[in-house]
Amino acid sequence: MPPVGEAILIDDEWMKVLAVNENRVSVERGRRGTRAMPHPVDALVHHGWHAVREIPVAMTREDWDL
């Protein structure tokens, strides 16, 4: 689980982690300008660092090396 004070994202709602106790997490809902909404039981919880990977794409015939 993310540490206290970190943000998590479920569907389109951001939440701030207030406490972590074993398998329970207390959050402050509706952060970062989002609003609290119901979520299904199997909704994914996103947390951690955002990673971006850049991949160069050949745009000209000379780049294709045919």
PDB file of N, CA and C in Angstrom:
ATOM      1  N   MET A   1       0.842  -1.191   0.000  1.00  0.00           N
ATOM      2  CA  MET A   1       0.000   0.000   0.000  1.00  0.00           C
ATOM      3  C   MET A   1       0.879   1.242   0.000  1.00  0.00           C
ATOM      4  N   PRO A   2       0.387   2.318  -0.564  1.00  0.00           N
ATOM      5  CA  PRO A   2       1.172   3.558  -0.551  1.00  0.00           C
ATOM      6  C   PRO A   2       1.271   4.119   0.865  1.00  0.00           C
ATOM      7  N   PRO A   3       2.323   4.879   1.151  1.00  0.00           N
ATOM      8  CA  PRO A   3       2.476   5.442   2.489  1.00  0.00           C
ATOM      9  C   PRO A   3       1.471   6.561   2.762  1.00  0.00           C
ATOM     10  N   VAL A   4       1.300   6.874   4.029  1.00  0.00           N
ATOM     11  CA  VAL A   4       0.400   7.945   4.459  1.00  0.00           C
ATOM     12  C   VAL A   4       0.827   9.248   3.793  1.00  0.00           C
ATOM     13  N   GLY A   5      -0.145  10.001   3.307  1.00  0.00           N
ATOM     14  CA  GLY A   5       0.113  11.281   2.668  1.00  0.00           C
ATOM     15  C   GLY A   5       0.184  11.199   1.155  1.00  0.00           C
ATOM     16  N   GLU A   6       0.331   9.995   0.597  1.00  0.00           N
ATOM     17  CA  GLU A   6       0.402   9.824  -0.855  1.00  0.00           C
ATOM     18  C   GLU A   6      -1.002   9.840  -1.461  1.00  0.00           C
ATOM     19  N   ALA A   7      -1.066  10.039  -2.765  1.00  0.00           N
ATOM     20  CA  ALA A   7      -2.337  10.054  -3.479  1.00  0.00           C
ATOM     21  C   ALA A   7      -2.544   8.725  -4.192  1.00  0.00           C
ATOM     22  N   ILE A   8      -3.805   8.314  -4.280  1.00  0.00           N
ATOM     23  CA  ILE A   8      -4.179   7.142  -5.067  1.00  0.00           C
ATOM     24  C   ILE A   8      -5.291   7.556  -6.020  1.00  0.00           C
ATOM     25  N   LEU A   9      -5.440   6.803  -7.094  1.00  0.00           N
ATOM     26  CA  LEU A   9      -6.465   7.084  -8.095  1.00  0.00           C
ATOM     27  C   LEU A   9      -7.301   5.832  -8.304  1.00  0.00           C
ATOM     28  N   ILE A  10      -8.605   5.964  -8.141  1.00  0.00           N
ATOM     29  CA  ILE A  10      -9.543   4.888  -8.437  1.00  0.00           C
ATOM     30  C   ILE A  10     -10.545   5.445  -9.430  1.00  0.00           C
ATOM     31  N   ASP A  11     -10.624   4.828 -10.601  1.00  0.00           N
ATOM     32  CA  ASP A  11     -11.443   5.336 -11.712  1.00  0.00           C
ATOM     33  C   ASP A  11     -11.031   6.789 -11.973  1.00  0.00           C
ATOM     34  N   ASP A  12     -11.932   7.744 -11.814  1.00  0.00           N
ATOM     35  CA  ASP A  12     -11.609   9.156 -12.046  1.00  0.00           C
ATOM     36  C   ASP A  12     -11.521   9.952 -10.747  1.00  0.00           C
ATOM     37  N   GLU A  13     -11.418   9.277  -9.621  1.00  0.00           N
ATOM     38  CA  GLU A  13     -11.393   9.979  -8.332  1.00  0.00           C
ATOM     39  C   GLU A  13     -10.031   9.845  -7.650  1.00  0.00           C
ATOM     40  N   TRP A  14      -9.460  11.007  -7.293  1.00  0.00           N
ATOM     41  CA  TRP A  14      -8.211  11.029  -6.527  1.00  0.00           C
ATOM     42  C   TRP A  14      -8.538  11.020  -5.044  1.00  0.00           C
ATOM     43  N   MET A  15      -7.698  10.324  -4.262  1.00  0.00           N
ATOM     44  CA  MET A  15      -7.859  10.251  -2.810  1.00  0.00           C
ATOM     45  C   MET A  15      -6.503  10.395  -2.145  1.00  0.00           C
ATOM     46  N   LYS A  16      -6.500  10.930  -0.925  1.00  0.00           N
ATOM     47  CA  LYS A  16      -5.274  11.068  -0.138  1.00  0.00           C
ATOM     48  C   LYS A  16      -5.294  10.009   0.963  1.00  0.00           C
ATOM     49  N   VAL A  17      -4.202   9.250   1.087  1.00  0.00           N
ATOM     50  CA  VAL A  17      -4.115   8.201   2.103  1.00  0.00           C
ATOM     51  C   VAL A  17      -3.888   8.858   3.469  1.00  0.00           C
ATOM     52  N   LEU A  18      -4.782   8.577   4.415  1.00  0.00           N
ATOM     53  CA  LEU A  18      -4.685   9.134   5.764  1.00  0.00           C
ATOM     54  C   LEU A  18      -4.078   8.148   6.751  1.00  0.00           C
ATOM     55  N   ALA A  19      -4.378   6.852   6.588  1.00  0.00           N
ATOM     56  CA  ALA A  19      -3.857   5.825   7.505  1.00  0.00           C
ATOM     57  C   ALA A  19      -3.892   4.464   6.814  1.00  0.00           C
ATOM     58  N   VAL A  20      -2.920   3.613   7.182  1.00  0.00           N
ATOM     59  CA  VAL A  20      -2.863   2.240   6.675  1.00  0.00           C
ATOM     60  C   VAL A  20      -2.742   1.312   7.875  1.00  0.00           C
ATOM     61  N   ASN A  21      -3.717   0.414   8.037  1.00  0.00           N
ATOM     62  CA  ASN A  21      -3.728  -0.555   9.136  1.00  0.00           C
ATOM     63  C   ASN A  21      -3.993  -1.940   8.564  1.00  0.00           C
ATOM     64  N   GLU A  22      -2.954  -2.780   8.550  1.00  0.00           N
ATOM     65  CA  GLU A  22      -3.039  -4.136   7.995  1.00  0.00           C
ATOM     66  C   GLU A  22      -3.614  -4.099   6.587  1.00  0.00           C
ATOM     67  N   ASN A  23      -4.851  -4.582   6.382  1.00  0.00           N
ATOM     68  CA  ASN A  23      -5.430  -4.593   5.040  1.00  0.00           C
ATOM     69  C   ASN A  23      -6.510  -3.527   4.855  1.00  0.00           C
ATOM     70  N   ARG A  24      -6.510  -2.485   5.694  1.00  0.00           N
ATOM     71  CA  ARG A  24      -7.485  -1.396   5.593  1.00  0.00           C
ATOM     72  C   ARG A  24      -6.751  -0.077   5.381  1.00  0.00           C
ATOM     73  N   VAL A  25      -7.342   0.765   4.556  1.00  0.00           N
ATOM     74  CA  VAL A  25      -6.765   2.071   4.254  1.00  0.00           C
ATOM     75  C   VAL A  25      -7.832   3.129   4.462  1.00  0.00           C
ATOM     76  N   SER A  26      -7.490   4.191   5.198  1.00  0.00           N
ATOM     77  CA  SER A  26      -8.396   5.326   5.361  1.00  0.00           C
ATOM     78  C   SER A  26      -7.943   6.418   4.402  1.00  0.00           C
ATOM     79  N   VAL A  27      -8.901   7.010   3.683  1.00  0.00           N
ATOM     80  CA  VAL A  27      -8.573   8.018   2.685  1.00  0.00           C
ATOM     81  C   VAL A  27      -9.451   9.251   2.838  1.00  0.00           C
ATOM     82  N   GLU A  28      -8.957  10.349   2.312  1.00  0.00           N
ATOM     83  CA  GLU A  28      -9.757  11.561   2.161  1.00  0.00           C
ATOM     84  C   GLU A  28     -10.173  11.591   0.703  1.00  0.00           C
ATOM     85  N   ARG A  29     -11.458  11.557   0.440  1.00  0.00           N
ATOM     86  CA  ARG A  29     -11.959  11.404  -0.918  1.00  0.00           C
ATOM     87  C   ARG A  29     -12.123  12.738  -1.625  1.00  0.00           C
ATOM     88  N   GLY A  30     -12.187  12.677  -2.942  1.00  0.00           N
ATOM     89  CA  GLY A  30     -12.467  13.851  -3.748  1.00  0.00           C
ATOM     90  C   GLY A  30     -11.342  14.867  -3.760  1.00  0.00           C
ATOM     91  N   ARG A  31     -10.104  14.435  -3.892  1.00  0.00           N
ATOM     92  CA  ARG A  31      -8.955  15.342  -3.924  1.00  0.00           C
ATOM     93  C   ARG A  31      -8.657  15.761  -5.361  1.00  0.00           C
ATOM     94  N   ARG A  32      -7.788  16.760  -5.514  1.00  0.00           N
ATOM     95  CA  ARG A  32      -7.324  17.257  -6.820  1.00  0.00           C
ATOM     96  C   ARG A  32      -8.476  17.647  -7.740  1.00  0.00           C
ATOM     97  N   GLY A  33      -9.507  18.225  -7.179  1.00  0.00           N
ATOM     98  CA  GLY A  33     -10.618  18.711  -7.986  1.00  0.00           C
ATOM     99  C   GLY A  33     -11.583  17.646  -8.477  1.00  0.00           C
ATOM    100  N   THR A  34     -11.453  16.404  -7.984  1.00  0.00           N
ATOM    101  CA  THR A  34     -12.397  15.350  -8.368  1.00  0.00           C
ATOM    102  C   THR A  34     -13.490  15.260  -7.323  1.00  0.00           C
ATOM    103  N   ARG A  35     -14.534  14.534  -7.644  1.00  0.00           N
ATOM    104  CA  ARG A  35     -15.604  14.368  -6.653  1.00  0.00           C
ATOM    105  C   ARG A  35     -15.751  12.897  -6.284  1.00  0.00           C
ATOM    106  N   ALA A  36     -16.207  12.676  -5.068  1.00  0.00           N
ATOM    107  CA  ALA A  36     -16.392  11.309  -4.583  1.00  0.00           C
ATOM    108  C   ALA A  36     -17.510  10.635  -5.371  1.00  0.00           C
ATOM    109  N   MET A  37     -17.271   9.368  -5.724  1.00  0.00           N
ATOM    110  CA  MET A  37     -18.254   8.597  -6.479  1.00  0.00           C
ATOM    111  C   MET A  37     -18.174   7.146  -6.046  1.00  0.00           C
ATOM    112  N   PRO A  38     -19.219   6.374  -6.274  1.00  0.00           N
ATOM    113  CA  PRO A  38     -19.148   4.946  -5.931  1.00  0.00           C
ATOM    114  C   PRO A  38     -18.226   4.213  -6.901  1.00  0.00           C
ATOM    115  N   HIS A  39     -17.533   3.181  -6.387  1.00  0.00           N
ATOM    116  CA  HIS A  39     -16.625   2.375  -7.189  1.00  0.00           C
ATOM    117  C   HIS A  39     -16.972   0.906  -7.018  1.00  0.00           C
ATOM    118  N   PRO A  40     -16.833   0.104  -8.081  1.00  0.00           N
ATOM    119  CA  PRO A  40     -17.099  -1.326  -7.941  1.00  0.00           C
ATOM    120  C   PRO A  40     -16.044  -1.987  -7.062  1.00  0.00           C
ATOM    121  N   VAL A  41     -16.372  -3.121  -6.504  1.00  0.00           N
ATOM    122  CA  VAL A  41     -15.474  -3.846  -5.602  1.00  0.00           C
ATOM    123  C   VAL A  41     -14.161  -4.198  -6.285  1.00  0.00           C
ATOM    124  N   ASP A  42     -14.195  -4.510  -7.569  1.00  0.00           N
ATOM    125  CA  ASP A  42     -12.985  -4.931  -8.279  1.00  0.00           C
ATOM    126  C   ASP A  42     -12.265  -3.784  -9.007  1.00  0.00           C
ATOM    127  N   ALA A  43     -12.540  -2.530  -8.627  1.00  0.00           N
ATOM    128  CA  ALA A  43     -11.896  -1.379  -9.276  1.00  0.00           C
ATOM    129  C   ALA A  43     -10.391  -1.379  -9.000  1.00  0.00           C
ATOM    130  N   LEU A  44      -9.606  -0.991  -9.999  1.00  0.00           N
ATOM    131  CA  LEU A  44      -8.153  -0.923  -9.835  1.00  0.00           C
ATOM    132  C   LEU A  44      -7.752   0.310  -9.037  1.00  0.00           C
ATOM    133  N   VAL A  45      -6.761   0.149  -8.172  1.00  0.00           N
ATOM    134  CA  VAL A  45      -6.210   1.251  -7.383  1.00  0.00           C
ATOM    135  C   VAL A  45      -4.843   1.575  -7.969  1.00  0.00           C
ATOM    136  N   HIS A  46      -4.689   2.798  -8.465  1.00  0.00           N
ATOM    137  CA  HIS A  46      -3.429   3.222  -9.068  1.00  0.00           C
ATOM    138  C   HIS A  46      -2.659   4.072  -8.059  1.00  0.00           C
ATOM    139  N   HIS A  47      -1.373   3.741  -7.873  1.00  0.00           N
ATOM    140  CA  HIS A  47      -0.516   4.536  -7.003  1.00  0.00           C
ATOM    141  C   HIS A  47       0.919   4.335  -7.437  1.00  0.00           C
ATOM    142  N   GLY A  48       1.794   5.162  -6.949  1.00  0.00           N
ATOM    143  CA  GLY A  48       3.210   5.058  -7.311  1.00  0.00           C
ATOM    144  C   GLY A  48       3.618   6.168  -8.264  1.00  0.00           C
ATOM    145  N   TRP A  49       4.813   6.059  -8.753  1.00  0.00           N
ATOM    146  CA  TRP A  49       5.360   7.075  -9.643  1.00  0.00           C
ATOM    147  C   TRP A  49       4.815   6.899 -11.042  1.00  0.00           C
ATOM    148  N   HIS A  50       4.566   8.022 -11.710  1.00  0.00           N
ATOM    149  CA  HIS A  50       4.129   8.019 -13.099  1.00  0.00           C
ATOM    150  C   HIS A  50       5.358   7.835 -13.982  1.00  0.00           C
ATOM    151  N   ALA A  51       5.320   6.886 -14.865  1.00  0.00           N
ATOM    152  CA  ALA A  51       6.460   6.619 -15.739  1.00  0.00           C
ATOM    153  C   ALA A  51       6.085   6.910 -17.192  1.00  0.00           C
ATOM    154  N   VAL A  52       7.014   7.519 -17.908  1.00  0.00           N
ATOM    155  CA  VAL A  52       6.817   7.811 -19.324  1.00  0.00           C
ATOM    156  C   VAL A  52       7.977   7.218 -20.092  1.00  0.00           C
ATOM    157  N   ARG A  53       7.671   6.535 -21.172  1.00  0.00           N
ATOM    158  CA  ARG A  53       8.716   5.963 -22.012  1.00  0.00           C
ATOM    159  C   ARG A  53       8.552   6.522 -23.415  1.00  0.00           C
ATOM    160  N   GLU A  54       9.620   7.118 -23.932  1.00  0.00           N
ATOM    161  CA  GLU A  54       9.578   7.681 -25.269  1.00  0.00           C
ATOM    162  C   GLU A  54      10.167   6.679 -26.254  1.00  0.00           C
ATOM    163  N   ILE A  55       9.458   6.470 -27.358  1.00  0.00           N
ATOM    164  CA  ILE A  55       9.906   5.549 -28.393  1.00  0.00           C
ATOM    165  C   ILE A  55       9.982   6.322 -29.708  1.00  0.00           C
ATOM    166  N   PRO A  56      11.168   6.402 -30.310  1.00  0.00           N
ATOM    167  CA  PRO A  56      11.272   7.117 -31.585  1.00  0.00           C
ATOM    168  C   PRO A  56      10.560   6.344 -32.696  1.00  0.00           C
ATOM    169  N   VAL A  57       9.842   7.071 -33.538  1.00  0.00           N
ATOM    170  CA  VAL A  57       9.115   6.468 -34.646  1.00  0.00           C
ATOM    171  C   VAL A  57       9.679   7.046 -35.936  1.00  0.00           C
ATOM    172  N   ALA A  58      10.072   6.174 -36.856  1.00  0.00           N
ATOM    173  CA  ALA A  58      10.603   6.615 -38.144  1.00  0.00           C
ATOM    174  C   ALA A  58       9.506   7.329 -38.925  1.00  0.00           C
ATOM    175  N   MET A  59       9.775   8.573 -39.306  1.00  0.00           N
ATOM    176  CA  MET A  59       8.765   9.379 -39.983  1.00  0.00           C
ATOM    177  C   MET A  59       9.072   9.601 -41.459  1.00  0.00           C
ATOM    178  N   THR A  60      10.295   9.375 -41.891  1.00  0.00           N
ATOM    179  CA  THR A  60      10.651   9.594 -43.295  1.00  0.00           C
ATOM    180  C   THR A  60      11.225   8.307 -43.875  1.00  0.00           C
ATOM    181  N   ARG A  61      11.215   8.224 -45.191  1.00  0.00           N
ATOM    182  CA  ARG A  61      11.712   7.029 -45.878  1.00  0.00           C
ATOM    183  C   ARG A  61      13.181   6.776 -45.548  1.00  0.00           C
ATOM    184  N   GLU A  62      13.968   7.839 -45.367  1.00  0.00           N
ATOM    185  CA  GLU A  62      15.390   7.686 -45.051  1.00  0.00           C
ATOM    186  C   GLU A  62      15.582   7.049 -43.674  1.00  0.00           C
ATOM    187  N   ASP A  63      14.666   7.253 -42.782  1.00  0.00           N
ATOM    188  CA  ASP A  63      14.748   6.674 -41.438  1.00  0.00           C
ATOM    189  C   ASP A  63      14.433   5.171 -41.446  1.00  0.00           C
ATOM    190  N   TRP A  64      13.736   4.698 -42.466  1.00  0.00           N
ATOM    191  CA  TRP A  64      13.338   3.295 -42.513  1.00  0.00           C
ATOM    192  C   TRP A  64      14.504   2.386 -42.819  1.00  0.00           C
ATOM    193  N   ASP A  65      15.540   2.921 -43.431  1.00  0.00           N
ATOM    194  CA  ASP A  65      16.760   2.144 -43.770  1.00  0.00           C
ATOM    195  C   ASP A  65      16.403   0.922 -44.615  1.00  0.00           C
ATOM    196  N   LEU A  66      15.665   1.164 -45.712  1.00  0.00           N
ATOM    197  CA  LEU A  66      15.253   0.057 -46.590  1.00  0.00           C
ATOM    198  C   LEU A  66      16.340  -0.357 -47.534  1.00  0.00           C
TER     199      LEU A  66
END
